[in-house]
Amino acid sequence: MQDLTHLAIDTARQLGVQYADVRVANYKQQVLATEDQRVSQISDRDDVGFGVRVLVNGAWGFASSNEINREEIQRVTHLAKSIAEASATTLRQPVHLVPEKTHQETFTTPYETDPFLVSIDQKIGLLLEITAALRKNSRVQKANALMNLRKTERVFANTEGTNLESSVLTTSAQYQATAVGNGDAKSRIYAPPPRTMGYENIDAEDLLQNTERVAEQAVEHLHAPPCPVGQKDLILDPLNLALTIHESVGHATELDRALGYEESLAGRSFAVPELLNQLQYGSPLVNFVADNTLPHGLATHGFDDDGVTGQKWDIVKDGLFVGYGTNREVAGEINLERSNGTCRASHWSNTPIVRIPNLSLAAGQKPLSLDELINDTKDGIYIEGMGSFSIDQMRCNFQFGGDAFWQIKDGKIAGMLKDVTYQAITTEFWNACDAVCDERFWVPNGILNCGKGDPMQISQMTHGASPARFRQISVGRI
C-alpha cells in the first residue's frame, strides 16, 4: 500500500501543486442485533478506497476512488488537481496551512482479542441470552440488544514527507427493556461506554448481571409520576453529561463553526474567537480537556487526516473559554502556530473536516461521591443516560432529556419520575455547576454517531465525566 501512496505523492509533486496528501482506508463494521428471542440483524461491511487532496493556487481539490491500482491513483490525482484549479477561479480567500513536522509512525489500538475473530455464534448467543433475561420480567414486553464492532485501517502520506499508518478497533454493546401498560410504553437502556478496545470491552458478565435491574427499572419508569415543572437542582450522571458536553461544548468549540465556515446541522457557534480568553463558559469548577491521546478514547487514532499527531489541550480552564478544535487550515485564523489535530474524514470518499476531539469534563479535585452529592441536595432530580435533545443554530439554547430519572427529596432518592427534560442557555448552565464528583467516579462515555457536514459525515469521540450538580435548572414535561 505504501508504494501506491508514494505514487500519488510523486504524481502530485510532478504536477507542481502547493501541497497534496493521500489517504487509503479500509473500514470494517459488523452490527449484530436481537429482538426478544429472534435475530433481527447481522450485517458486515468491508469498504476500501482512497482519496487524494491537493492545494493549488490557494484552493482545495479532492477526488477519490474505490479502485486501487497505479493507473487509478494517477488519474484521481490529476482529477484532484483539475478540481483545485477550477475552485481557485472563484476563491475569496486562499488557504494557508499552519506548519507541521514530518512524521513516520504507526499506531495500533491496544487490544487483547480481535472482535472480528470471535464467532458470530458466540456474539449472537450473548445477545439472545441478554434479551431472554430481560423478558423474564413478565411486565417487559420488548427486549432489544445490539453489538457494534468497527475496525479502521489507514495509510496516510503527504508531499511534506509524512508517512503514517494506523489500525483502530472500536467495540460496544447495549440493550433495552420496554415495559407497556396503561396506554403507555417506557424503556430503560444499559449502555456501557464504547471504547477503542478489542472484544474484551464486551463484558458478558457485567451485561448479564444488570438485566434484572434494567427490567425492573423499565417497569418502574412506566408507573412513575410525571416530572414537575419549575426549577430544580440537577445531578447528571456521566452518560447523560456525555451528550450535553457533546452538543453544548464540543460542537460549539469547533473552530470552523465559530468562523462561519460550517453551517449544516445547527452548525454555527456563539463561541466566536473574540470571546477566546474572555468568556466565562462555566463556573470555576468546570474544566473541559481535549485529549486525542486518551487511552481507549474513541477519537484516539494516533494522528488525524491532516497528518497531525494526537495531542492534549484545554478548551475551558477553571471556567474560562481558552481553546478550540482545529485543523491546519483554520488554526492560523486565530494565530495558532500548530493545529491540535482534530481534522478527520469519516470515509475515504470524504474530504477531512474539523471534528470534536475526545472532550471531557475533568473530575473534581476534592473527594466527593455520588451518594454524598445526593445527600447534599435538598430538592432535585438525578438523571442517568442519554435521551432526546435539541439545540439552536448558535449552540446557545438547549433542551435535553435522559434515560432514567429519580426525584431527590431532603438528600434521599424518592422514586422515579418520567417525561423529564431540562432547558437552559449553554453558559448559564455550565456556570450553574457547583459540584463535580472526584476521579473515582469518572467514566469515559462516548458518541458513536456524531453527524456533521453536507454531505453528512459520521464520526466518534469520547466525552468523559464524573457526576455533577447544576443548581436551579428549568425542568418540565416533554
Protein backbone atom coordinates (compact mmCIF):
# COMPACT_ATOMS: atom_id res chain seq x y z
CA MET A 1 0.00 0.00 0.00
CA GLN A 2 2.88 2.36 0.71
CA ASP A 3 4.01 2.03 -2.93
CA LEU A 4 0.65 3.37 -4.09
CA THR A 5 0.60 6.28 -1.65
CA HIS A 6 4.12 7.19 -2.77
CA LEU A 7 2.92 7.09 -6.37
CA ALA A 8 0.14 9.57 -5.59
CA ILE A 9 2.55 11.91 -3.84
CA ASP A 10 5.15 11.65 -6.63
CA THR A 11 2.45 12.37 -9.21
CA ALA A 12 1.25 15.39 -7.25
CA ARG A 13 4.78 16.74 -6.98
CA GLN A 14 5.26 16.36 -10.73
CA LEU A 15 2.06 18.34 -11.26
CA GLY A 16 3.54 21.19 -9.24
CA VAL A 17 0.86 21.51 -6.55
CA GLN A 18 1.43 23.52 -3.37
CA TYR A 19 0.53 20.59 -1.15
CA ALA A 20 -1.01 17.14 -1.50
CA ASP A 21 -1.95 14.21 0.69
CA VAL A 22 -3.35 10.77 0.03
CA ARG A 23 -5.33 8.60 2.41
CA VAL A 24 -6.01 4.92 1.76
CA ALA A 25 -8.57 3.50 4.18
CA ASN A 26 -10.31 0.20 4.86
CA TYR A 27 -13.46 0.28 7.00
CA LYS A 28 -14.83 -2.90 8.52
CA GLN A 29 -18.02 -2.88 10.56
CA GLN A 30 -20.15 -5.65 11.99
CA VAL A 31 -23.54 -4.91 13.58
CA LEU A 32 -25.45 -7.66 15.36
CA ALA A 33 -28.86 -7.25 16.97
CA THR A 34 -31.54 -9.33 18.61
CA GLU A 35 -35.17 -8.57 19.40
CA ASP A 36 -36.76 -10.75 22.04
CA GLN A 37 -35.71 -14.28 21.02
CA ARG A 38 -35.01 -13.66 17.37
CA VAL A 39 -32.01 -12.33 15.46
CA SER A 40 -33.02 -9.00 13.90
CA GLN A 41 -29.74 -8.03 12.23
CA ILE A 42 -26.39 -9.40 11.17
CA SER A 43 -24.58 -7.04 8.84
CA ASP A 44 -20.98 -6.91 7.67
CA ARG A 45 -19.33 -4.04 5.84
CA ASP A 46 -15.85 -4.14 4.31
CA ASP A 47 -15.14 -0.97 2.35
CA VAL A 48 -11.78 0.10 0.92
CA GLY A 49 -10.75 3.06 -1.20
CA PHE A 50 -8.57 6.16 -1.31
CA GLY A 51 -8.84 9.93 -1.52
CA VAL A 52 -6.35 12.49 -2.83
CA ARG A 53 -6.42 16.10 -1.67
CA VAL A 54 -4.35 18.81 -3.35
CA LEU A 55 -3.83 22.53 -2.85
CA VAL A 56 -3.40 24.65 -6.00
CA ASN A 57 -3.36 28.46 -6.11
CA GLY A 58 -4.72 28.51 -2.57
CA ALA A 59 -7.73 26.26 -3.33
CA TRP A 60 -8.52 22.66 -2.40
CA GLY A 61 -9.27 19.90 -4.83
CA PHE A 62 -10.34 16.42 -3.74
CA ALA A 63 -11.09 13.22 -5.62
CA SER A 64 -11.48 9.58 -4.60
CA SER A 65 -12.00 6.07 -5.91
CA ASN A 66 -12.58 2.51 -4.74
CA GLU A 67 -10.30 1.11 -7.45
CA ILE A 68 -6.82 0.87 -6.01
CA ASN A 69 -4.23 0.45 -8.76
CA ARG A 70 -1.44 2.52 -10.29
CA GLU A 71 -3.46 3.89 -13.20
CA GLU A 72 -6.36 4.92 -10.97
CA ILE A 73 -4.06 6.56 -8.42
CA GLN A 74 -2.59 8.73 -11.17
CA ARG A 75 -5.97 9.51 -12.75
CA VAL A 76 -7.53 10.58 -9.43
CA THR A 77 -4.50 12.74 -8.56
CA HIS A 78 -4.81 14.55 -11.88
CA LEU A 79 -8.55 14.96 -11.29
CA ALA A 80 -7.97 16.43 -7.83
CA LYS A 81 -5.61 19.00 -9.36
CA SER A 82 -8.17 19.93 -12.03
CA ILE A 83 -10.84 20.41 -9.35
CA ALA A 84 -8.48 22.63 -7.33
CA GLU A 85 -7.72 24.76 -10.38
CA ALA A 86 -11.43 25.21 -11.06
CA SER A 87 -12.08 26.06 -7.39
CA ALA A 88 -9.31 28.68 -7.48
CA THR A 89 -11.20 30.69 -10.12
CA THR A 90 -13.90 31.56 -7.57
CA LEU A 91 -11.65 31.76 -4.50
CA ARG A 92 -12.37 34.53 -2.00
CA GLN A 93 -9.53 33.80 0.39
CA PRO A 94 -6.58 31.47 -0.25
CA VAL A 95 -5.99 28.51 2.06
CA HIS A 96 -2.88 28.69 4.24
CA LEU A 97 -1.81 25.63 6.21
CA VAL A 98 -0.02 26.08 9.52
CA PRO A 99 3.26 24.14 9.69
CA GLU A 100 3.50 20.56 10.89
CA LYS A 101 6.64 18.49 11.38
CA THR A 102 7.04 15.37 9.28
CA HIS A 103 6.12 12.08 10.96
CA GLN A 104 6.94 8.46 10.26
CA GLU A 105 4.75 6.50 12.66
CA THR A 106 2.46 3.51 13.09
CA PHE A 107 -0.45 3.49 15.57
CA THR A 108 -2.46 0.45 16.66
CA THR A 109 -5.27 0.29 19.21
CA PRO A 110 -4.08 -1.75 22.21
CA TYR A 111 -6.29 -4.83 22.41
CA GLU A 112 -6.40 -8.42 23.61
CA THR A 113 -8.95 -10.05 21.29
CA ASP A 114 -9.79 -9.01 17.74
CA PRO A 115 -13.61 -8.85 17.75
CA PHE A 116 -13.74 -9.93 14.11
CA LEU A 117 -12.10 -13.24 15.06
CA VAL A 118 -14.83 -14.04 17.61
CA SER A 119 -17.50 -16.26 16.10
CA ILE A 120 -20.88 -14.80 15.19
CA ASP A 121 -22.50 -17.67 17.10
CA GLN A 122 -20.79 -16.52 20.30
CA LYS A 123 -21.79 -12.89 19.81
CA ILE A 124 -25.38 -13.63 18.86
CA GLY A 125 -25.60 -16.17 21.68
CA LEU A 126 -24.72 -13.45 24.20
CA LEU A 127 -27.28 -11.02 22.77
CA LEU A 128 -30.02 -13.68 22.85
CA GLU A 129 -29.10 -14.56 26.42
CA ILE A 130 -29.46 -10.88 27.35
CA THR A 131 -32.89 -10.46 25.75
CA ALA A 132 -34.10 -13.71 27.31
CA ALA A 133 -33.00 -12.48 30.73
CA LEU A 134 -34.82 -9.18 30.24
CA ARG A 135 -38.02 -10.97 29.23
CA LYS A 136 -38.01 -13.00 32.45
CA ASN A 137 -39.78 -9.99 33.89
CA SER A 138 -43.33 -10.60 32.71
CA ARG A 139 -44.07 -6.89 32.52
CA VAL A 140 -41.30 -6.32 29.97
CA GLN A 141 -42.98 -6.60 26.57
CA LYS A 142 -39.98 -5.92 24.37
CA ALA A 143 -36.26 -6.56 24.73
CA ASN A 144 -33.53 -5.48 22.31
CA ALA A 145 -29.76 -5.96 22.33
CA LEU A 146 -27.12 -4.57 19.99
CA MET A 147 -23.40 -5.06 19.34
CA ASN A 148 -21.37 -2.70 17.15
CA LEU A 149 -17.82 -3.62 16.11
CA ARG A 150 -15.52 -1.49 13.93
CA LYS A 151 -12.03 -1.64 12.51
CA THR A 152 -10.48 1.24 10.55
CA GLU A 153 -7.10 0.89 8.86
CA ARG A 154 -5.44 3.93 7.27
CA VAL A 155 -2.30 4.74 5.35
CA PHE A 156 -1.51 8.46 5.00
CA ALA A 157 1.23 10.31 3.13
CA ASN A 158 1.79 13.91 2.08
CA THR A 159 4.17 15.99 -0.01
CA GLU A 160 5.90 17.25 3.15
CA GLY A 161 7.39 13.81 3.78
CA THR A 162 4.96 12.41 6.37
CA ASN A 163 4.09 8.69 6.18
CA LEU A 164 1.66 7.25 8.74
CA GLU A 165 -0.30 4.04 9.33
CA SER A 166 -2.99 3.20 11.85
CA SER A 167 -5.34 0.41 12.85
CA VAL A 168 -8.19 1.34 15.21
CA LEU A 169 -10.70 -1.04 16.79
CA THR A 170 -13.96 0.17 18.34
CA THR A 171 -16.34 -2.07 20.31
CA SER A 172 -19.65 -1.53 22.06
CA ALA A 173 -22.75 -3.39 23.25
CA GLN A 174 -26.01 -2.19 24.77
CA TYR A 175 -29.57 -3.32 25.42
CA GLN A 176 -33.03 -2.00 26.18
CA ALA A 177 -36.07 -3.26 28.07
CA THR A 178 -39.51 -1.80 27.30
CA ALA A 179 -42.50 -2.06 29.62
CA VAL A 180 -46.01 -1.49 28.26
CA GLY A 181 -49.22 -0.68 30.12
CA ASN A 182 -51.96 1.87 30.79
CA GLY A 183 -51.73 3.14 27.23
CA ASP A 184 -48.05 3.98 27.60
CA ALA A 185 -44.60 2.45 26.98
CA LYS A 186 -41.36 3.27 28.79
CA SER A 187 -37.87 1.88 28.36
CA ARG A 188 -34.62 1.53 30.25
CA ILE A 189 -31.26 1.21 28.49
CA TYR A 190 -27.98 -0.26 29.66
CA ALA A 191 -25.08 1.06 27.58
CA PRO A 192 -21.54 0.57 28.91
CA PRO A 193 -19.10 3.03 27.34
CA PRO A 194 -17.93 2.26 23.79
CA ARG A 195 -14.13 2.23 23.58
CA THR A 196 -11.27 1.68 21.19
CA MET A 197 -10.57 -1.80 22.53
CA GLY A 198 -10.89 -5.37 21.44
CA TYR A 199 -13.68 -7.81 22.27
CA GLU A 200 -12.61 -7.64 25.92
CA ASN A 201 -14.72 -4.45 26.08
CA ILE A 202 -17.80 -6.68 25.63
CA ASP A 203 -18.08 -7.76 29.26
CA ALA A 204 -20.63 -10.58 29.17
CA GLU A 205 -20.74 -10.99 32.95
CA ASP A 206 -21.44 -7.29 33.52
CA LEU A 207 -24.04 -7.16 30.76
CA LEU A 208 -25.95 -10.13 32.16
CA GLN A 209 -25.67 -9.03 35.78
CA ASN A 210 -27.53 -5.80 35.01
CA THR A 211 -30.51 -7.33 33.15
CA GLU A 212 -32.72 -7.80 36.23
CA ARG A 213 -32.15 -4.22 37.41
CA VAL A 214 -32.77 -2.76 33.94
CA ALA A 215 -36.02 -4.73 33.52
CA GLU A 216 -37.29 -3.65 36.94
CA GLN A 217 -36.45 -0.02 36.26
CA ALA A 218 -38.26 -0.12 32.90
CA VAL A 219 -41.42 -1.18 34.78
CA GLU A 220 -40.85 1.43 37.48
CA HIS A 221 -40.37 4.06 34.77
CA LEU A 222 -43.74 3.12 33.26
CA HIS A 223 -45.60 3.75 36.52
CA ALA A 224 -43.60 6.80 37.65
CA PRO A 225 -45.28 10.20 38.13
CA PRO A 226 -44.51 12.91 35.57
CA CYS A 227 -41.80 15.50 36.08
CA PRO A 228 -42.85 18.62 37.98
CA VAL A 229 -42.50 21.91 36.13
CA GLY A 230 -40.18 24.50 37.62
CA GLN A 231 -36.61 24.99 38.86
CA LYS A 232 -34.71 22.01 40.25
CA ASP A 233 -31.16 21.18 41.22
CA LEU A 234 -29.96 18.52 38.78
CA ILE A 235 -27.41 15.79 39.35
CA LEU A 236 -26.35 14.37 35.99
CA ASP A 237 -24.53 11.07 35.60
CA PRO A 238 -21.55 10.71 33.20
CA LEU A 239 -23.63 9.05 30.48
CA ASN A 240 -26.13 11.90 30.45
CA LEU A 241 -23.38 14.52 30.57
CA ALA A 242 -21.68 12.99 27.54
CA LEU A 243 -24.41 14.20 25.19
CA THR A 244 -24.74 17.59 26.90
CA ILE A 245 -20.97 18.11 26.63
CA HIS A 246 -21.04 16.98 23.01
CA GLU A 247 -23.76 19.37 21.86
CA SER A 248 -23.16 22.45 24.03
CA VAL A 249 -19.35 22.41 24.23
CA GLY A 250 -17.93 20.04 21.62
CA HIS A 251 -19.72 21.41 18.57
CA ALA A 252 -19.64 24.96 19.91
CA THR A 253 -15.82 24.91 20.03
CA GLU A 254 -15.10 23.51 16.57
CA LEU A 255 -13.24 26.45 15.04
CA ASP A 256 -14.69 26.07 11.53
CA ARG A 257 -18.19 26.54 13.01
CA ALA A 258 -17.10 29.53 15.07
CA LEU A 259 -15.65 31.15 11.94
CA GLY A 260 -18.83 30.55 9.97
CA TYR A 261 -17.29 28.00 7.58
CA GLU A 262 -19.70 25.25 8.64
CA GLU A 263 -23.45 25.77 8.98
CA SER A 264 -25.10 22.37 8.47
CA LEU A 265 -26.98 20.69 11.34
CA ALA A 266 -27.20 23.64 13.76
CA GLY A 267 -23.73 24.47 12.58
CA ARG A 268 -22.80 27.93 13.85
CA SER A 269 -21.50 28.86 17.32
CA PHE A 270 -21.79 31.68 19.83
CA ALA A 271 -18.20 30.93 20.95
CA VAL A 272 -16.53 33.23 18.40
CA PRO A 273 -12.77 33.94 18.51
CA GLU A 274 -13.35 37.40 20.03
CA LEU A 275 -14.53 35.61 23.19
CA LEU A 276 -11.42 33.44 23.49
CA ASN A 277 -9.80 34.00 26.91
CA GLN A 278 -12.66 36.39 27.74
CA LEU A 279 -15.82 34.30 28.12
CA GLN A 280 -16.71 32.65 31.43
CA TYR A 281 -18.05 29.45 29.87
CA GLY A 282 -18.69 27.78 33.23
CA SER A 283 -18.08 28.02 36.94
CA PRO A 284 -14.50 27.76 38.26
CA LEU A 285 -15.14 24.03 38.85
CA VAL A 286 -15.65 23.45 35.11
CA ASN A 287 -12.63 22.21 33.16
CA PHE A 288 -13.00 20.75 29.67
CA VAL A 289 -9.94 18.89 28.46
CA ALA A 290 -9.45 17.73 24.88
CA ASP A 291 -7.24 14.66 24.66
CA ASN A 292 -6.74 12.69 21.46
CA THR A 293 -4.13 10.60 23.26
CA LEU A 294 -6.67 9.32 25.83
CA PRO A 295 -6.22 5.54 26.24
CA HIS A 296 -9.15 3.78 24.52
CA GLY A 297 -10.69 7.13 23.57
CA LEU A 298 -12.98 6.98 20.54
CA ALA A 299 -11.01 9.76 18.80
CA THR A 300 -7.63 8.28 19.76
CA HIS A 301 -6.39 7.34 16.30
CA GLY A 302 -2.70 8.24 16.54
CA PHE A 303 -2.99 11.08 14.01
CA ASP A 304 -5.66 12.98 12.16
CA ASP A 305 -6.30 13.28 8.42
CA ASP A 306 -4.06 16.35 8.18
CA GLY A 307 -1.19 14.13 9.33
CA VAL A 308 -1.10 15.86 12.75
CA THR A 309 -0.39 13.60 15.73
CA GLY A 310 -2.74 13.34 18.71
CA GLN A 311 -2.45 15.98 21.43
CA LYS A 312 -3.93 17.11 24.75
CA TRP A 313 -5.07 20.69 25.43
CA ASP A 314 -7.61 22.80 27.33
CA ILE A 315 -10.91 24.01 25.89
CA VAL A 316 -12.23 25.51 29.15
CA LYS A 317 -9.87 26.12 32.08
CA ASP A 318 -11.31 26.98 35.52
CA GLY A 319 -14.48 28.05 33.71
CA LEU A 320 -12.70 30.30 31.18
CA PHE A 321 -13.03 29.59 27.44
CA VAL A 322 -9.45 29.07 26.20
CA GLY A 323 -9.36 26.74 23.19
CA TYR A 324 -10.85 25.19 20.06
CA GLY A 325 -10.61 22.08 17.98
CA THR A 326 -8.79 22.96 14.74
CA ASN A 327 -7.27 21.70 11.53
CA ARG A 328 -4.24 23.03 9.67
CA GLU A 329 -6.41 25.29 7.54
CA VAL A 330 -8.26 27.23 10.24
CA ALA A 331 -5.67 27.18 13.05
CA GLY A 332 -3.90 30.19 11.56
CA GLU A 333 -7.13 32.21 11.70
CA ILE A 334 -6.62 32.58 15.46
CA ASN A 335 -2.80 32.79 15.20
CA LEU A 336 -2.08 29.27 16.36
CA GLU A 337 1.34 28.04 15.30
CA ARG A 338 0.14 24.44 15.06
CA SER A 339 -3.14 22.59 14.59
CA ASN A 340 -4.21 20.47 17.56
CA GLY A 341 -5.13 17.61 15.24
CA THR A 342 -8.93 17.40 15.04
CA CYS A 343 -9.28 17.01 11.26
CA ARG A 344 -10.97 13.75 10.30
CA ALA A 345 -12.92 12.24 7.42
CA SER A 346 -15.46 9.51 8.09
CA HIS A 347 -14.80 7.70 4.80
CA TRP A 348 -12.20 7.53 2.07
CA SER A 349 -14.64 9.32 -0.25
CA ASN A 350 -15.00 12.32 2.11
CA THR A 351 -12.74 15.31 2.42
CA PRO A 352 -11.49 15.79 6.02
CA ILE A 353 -13.21 18.40 8.22
CA VAL A 354 -12.83 19.63 11.80
CA ARG A 355 -14.33 17.11 14.24
CA ILE A 356 -14.83 17.14 18.01
CA PRO A 357 -11.87 15.57 19.86
CA ASN A 358 -12.09 13.34 22.92
CA LEU A 359 -13.51 16.11 25.10
CA SER A 360 -14.14 15.52 28.78
CA LEU A 361 -15.27 17.30 31.92
CA ALA A 362 -12.38 16.89 34.34
CA ALA A 363 -13.16 15.20 37.65
CA GLY A 364 -13.50 17.30 40.79
CA GLN A 365 -10.36 17.86 42.86
CA LYS A 366 -12.00 17.35 46.27
CA PRO A 367 -13.17 13.92 47.46
CA LEU A 368 -16.88 13.65 46.66
CA SER A 369 -19.01 10.58 45.96
CA LEU A 370 -22.34 10.38 44.17
CA ASP A 371 -24.05 9.36 47.42
CA GLU A 372 -22.56 12.37 49.20
CA LEU A 373 -23.70 14.65 46.40
CA ILE A 374 -27.26 13.30 46.60
CA ASN A 375 -27.22 13.61 50.39
CA ASP A 376 -26.25 17.27 49.98
CA THR A 377 -29.17 18.03 47.63
CA LYS A 378 -32.47 19.07 49.18
CA ASP A 379 -34.80 19.26 46.18
CA GLY A 380 -33.58 17.90 42.88
CA ILE A 381 -33.58 15.28 40.15
CA TYR A 382 -30.90 12.69 39.41
CA ILE A 383 -30.69 11.82 35.69
CA GLU A 384 -28.97 8.85 34.09
CA GLY A 385 -28.31 8.06 30.44
CA MET A 386 -28.95 9.80 27.14
CA GLY A 387 -32.32 10.78 25.73
CA SER A 388 -33.84 13.35 23.43
CA PHE A 389 -32.18 16.69 22.76
CA SER A 390 -32.47 19.88 20.75
CA ILE A 391 -30.20 22.90 20.44
CA ASP A 392 -30.37 26.10 18.46
CA GLN A 393 -28.25 27.19 15.48
CA MET A 394 -25.76 29.06 17.67
CA ARG A 395 -25.40 26.31 20.31
CA CYS A 396 -26.96 28.55 22.98
CA ASN A 397 -30.48 27.44 23.89
CA PHE A 398 -30.92 23.74 24.51
CA GLN A 399 -33.18 21.04 25.89
CA PHE A 400 -32.04 17.58 26.99
CA GLY A 401 -33.79 14.53 28.32
CA GLY A 402 -32.32 11.29 29.63
CA ASP A 403 -32.98 7.61 30.08
CA ALA A 404 -33.93 7.39 33.78
CA PHE A 405 -34.89 9.99 36.37
CA TRP A 406 -35.13 9.96 40.17
CA GLN A 407 -36.60 12.60 42.43
CA ILE A 408 -34.37 13.78 45.29
CA LYS A 409 -36.05 14.95 48.49
CA ASP A 410 -34.08 16.06 51.54
CA GLY A 411 -30.96 14.24 50.42
CA LYS A 412 -32.61 10.93 49.55
CA ILE A 413 -33.86 9.23 46.38
CA ALA A 414 -37.67 9.39 46.49
CA GLY A 415 -38.68 7.27 43.49
CA MET A 416 -38.55 7.55 39.72
CA LEU A 417 -40.05 10.24 37.51
CA LYS A 418 -40.93 10.18 33.83
CA ASP A 419 -41.07 12.67 30.97
CA VAL A 420 -38.20 14.75 32.36
CA THR A 421 -36.43 17.38 30.29
CA TYR A 422 -34.17 20.23 31.30
CA GLN A 423 -33.75 23.52 29.48
CA ALA A 424 -31.02 26.15 29.71
CA ILE A 425 -28.66 28.50 27.92
CA THR A 426 -25.21 26.96 27.48
CA THR A 427 -23.11 29.38 29.53
CA GLU A 428 -25.77 29.79 32.24
CA PHE A 429 -26.00 26.02 32.57
CA TRP A 430 -22.26 25.40 32.95
CA ASN A 431 -21.95 28.37 35.33
CA ALA A 432 -24.64 26.72 37.49
CA CYS A 433 -22.30 23.76 38.14
CA ASP A 434 -21.38 23.82 41.83
CA ALA A 435 -20.07 20.29 42.42
CA VAL A 436 -18.25 17.57 40.45
CA CYS A 437 -17.51 14.14 41.90
CA ASP A 438 -13.90 13.03 42.08
CA GLU A 439 -11.92 10.82 39.73
CA ARG A 440 -13.18 7.57 41.30
CA PHE A 441 -16.49 8.24 39.57
CA TRP A 442 -15.11 9.48 36.22
CA VAL A 443 -16.49 7.46 33.28
CA PRO A 444 -15.23 7.77 29.66
CA ASN A 445 -18.55 7.56 27.86
CA GLY A 446 -18.75 8.40 24.18
CA ILE A 447 -20.64 9.17 21.00
CA LEU A 448 -20.53 6.76 18.04
CA ASN A 449 -22.77 8.60 15.60
CA CYS A 450 -21.86 12.29 15.54
CA GLY A 451 -23.14 13.84 12.32
CA LYS A 452 -21.58 16.90 10.70
CA GLY A 453 -21.17 18.37 7.25
CA ASP A 454 -23.01 18.31 3.95
CA PRO A 455 -22.86 15.64 2.71
CA MET A 456 -23.06 14.31 6.26
CA GLN A 457 -20.10 12.54 7.82
CA ILE A 458 -20.43 10.31 10.90
CA SER A 459 -17.65 10.30 13.48
CA GLN A 460 -16.94 9.10 17.03
CA MET A 461 -15.40 10.64 20.14
CA THR A 462 -15.23 10.14 23.91
CA HIS A 463 -16.80 12.51 26.46
CA GLY A 464 -15.78 11.52 29.97
CA ALA A 465 -17.23 12.97 33.16
CA SER A 466 -17.98 12.37 36.82
CA PRO A 467 -21.47 13.02 38.21
CA ALA A 468 -22.01 16.77 38.57
CA ARG A 469 -24.63 19.06 40.12
CA PHE A 470 -26.27 22.08 38.47
CA ARG A 471 -28.28 24.50 40.61
CA GLN A 472 -31.80 25.70 39.74
CA ILE A 473 -32.23 24.46 36.18
CA SER A 474 -35.63 24.66 34.46
CA VAL A 475 -37.35 21.27 34.12
CA GLY A 476 -40.71 20.23 32.75
CA ARG A 477 -42.65 17.63 30.81
CA ILE A 478 -41.77 16.67 27.28
